[in-house]
Protein backbone atom coordinates (compact mmCIF):
# COMPACT_ATOMS: atom_id res chain seq x y z
CA UNK A 1 -9.72 7.58 -13.79
CA UNK A 2 -8.50 11.08 -12.66
CA UNK A 3 -4.81 12.17 -11.07
CA UNK A 4 -3.64 15.28 -10.02
CA UNK A 5 -7.03 16.98 -11.39
CA UNK A 6 -6.87 15.64 -15.50
CA UNK A 7 -9.00 12.51 -16.02
CA UNK A 8 -8.03 10.05 -18.39
CA UNK A 9 -10.51 7.69 -20.40
CA UNK A 10 -9.58 4.49 -21.91
CA UNK A 11 -6.77 1.79 -22.52
CA UNK A 12 -4.45 4.00 -24.34
CA UNK A 13 -4.82 7.18 -22.38
CA UNK A 14 -4.13 5.19 -19.41
CA UNK A 15 -1.32 4.03 -20.83
CA UNK A 16 -0.32 6.53 -21.51
CA UNK A 17 -0.45 8.32 -18.09
CA UNK A 18 0.43 5.07 -16.39
CA UNK A 19 3.98 5.54 -18.49
CA UNK A 20 4.71 9.32 -17.47
CA UNK A 21 4.29 8.63 -14.09
CA UNK A 22 5.99 5.65 -13.86
CA UNK A 23 9.47 7.56 -15.02
CA UNK A 24 8.37 11.18 -14.46
CA UNK A 25 9.13 10.85 -10.88
CA UNK A 26 11.33 8.62 -8.37
CA UNK A 27 9.96 7.42 -5.24
CA UNK A 28 8.91 5.33 -2.27
CA UNK A 29 5.57 4.65 -1.87
CA UNK A 30 4.29 2.57 1.51
CA UNK A 31 0.29 2.00 1.85
CA UNK A 32 -1.11 3.26 5.81
CA UNK A 33 -4.51 2.17 5.47
CA UNK A 34 -6.98 0.26 3.18
CA UNK A 35 -10.29 -0.18 3.58
CA UNK A 36 -13.70 -0.88 1.33
CA UNK A 37 -16.43 1.74 2.54
CA UNK A 38 -19.36 -0.63 0.30
CA UNK A 39 -19.86 -4.21 -1.77
CA UNK A 40 -18.01 -2.58 -4.75
CA UNK A 41 -16.06 0.66 -3.26
CA UNK A 42 -12.64 0.85 -1.37
CA UNK A 43 -10.45 3.42 -0.47
CA UNK A 44 -6.15 2.30 -0.31
CA UNK A 45 -3.87 5.36 1.64
CA UNK A 46 -0.70 5.38 0.03
CA UNK A 47 2.35 7.18 1.95
CA UNK A 48 5.22 8.62 -1.18
CA UNK A 49 8.54 9.70 -0.67
CA UNK A 50 10.29 11.10 -3.64
CA UNK A 51 11.50 14.07 -5.54
CA UNK A 52 8.24 15.52 -6.60
CA UNK A 53 6.92 18.22 -5.80
CA UNK A 54 6.77 19.55 -1.99
CA UNK A 55 8.38 15.51 -2.07
CA UNK A 56 6.32 13.55 0.81
CA UNK A 57 1.76 13.22 -0.32
CA UNK A 58 -0.49 11.00 0.83
CA UNK A 59 -2.68 9.88 -1.73
CA UNK A 60 -5.61 8.81 -1.60
CA UNK A 61 -6.78 5.68 -3.93
CA UNK A 62 -10.40 5.81 -4.83
CA UNK A 63 -11.91 2.67 -6.90
CA UNK A 64 -14.69 0.72 -8.09
CA UNK A 65 -15.07 -2.19 -9.17
CA UNK A 66 -16.84 -3.93 -11.46
CA UNK A 67 -16.63 -7.26 -13.05
CA UNK A 68 -13.53 -7.15 -11.18
CA UNK A 69 -11.58 -4.68 -12.46
CA UNK A 70 -11.35 -1.07 -11.69
CA UNK A 71 -14.54 0.98 -13.40
CA UNK A 72 -12.86 4.11 -11.63
CA UNK A 73 -9.58 5.23 -9.82
CA UNK A 74 -9.88 8.67 -8.52
CA UNK A 75 -6.44 9.89 -7.17
CA UNK A 76 -6.21 12.80 -5.16
CA UNK A 77 -4.18 13.54 -1.64
């Protein structure tokens, strides 16, 4: 998975990213759009507001599935 320009590979690295991102800032998140671009690729747009730098951002979560599991995830503005 890739977030903020950094790539995390493997369960341990992704778990560390999750723990850090969940506790680093306080924010609200709202799903504003979701679409399936082909049979295995999706894009979900979320609006975040909180105490992170800038305070407001819309993020695109682009992900692909394989065997009903997320194979790849990229989070970017």
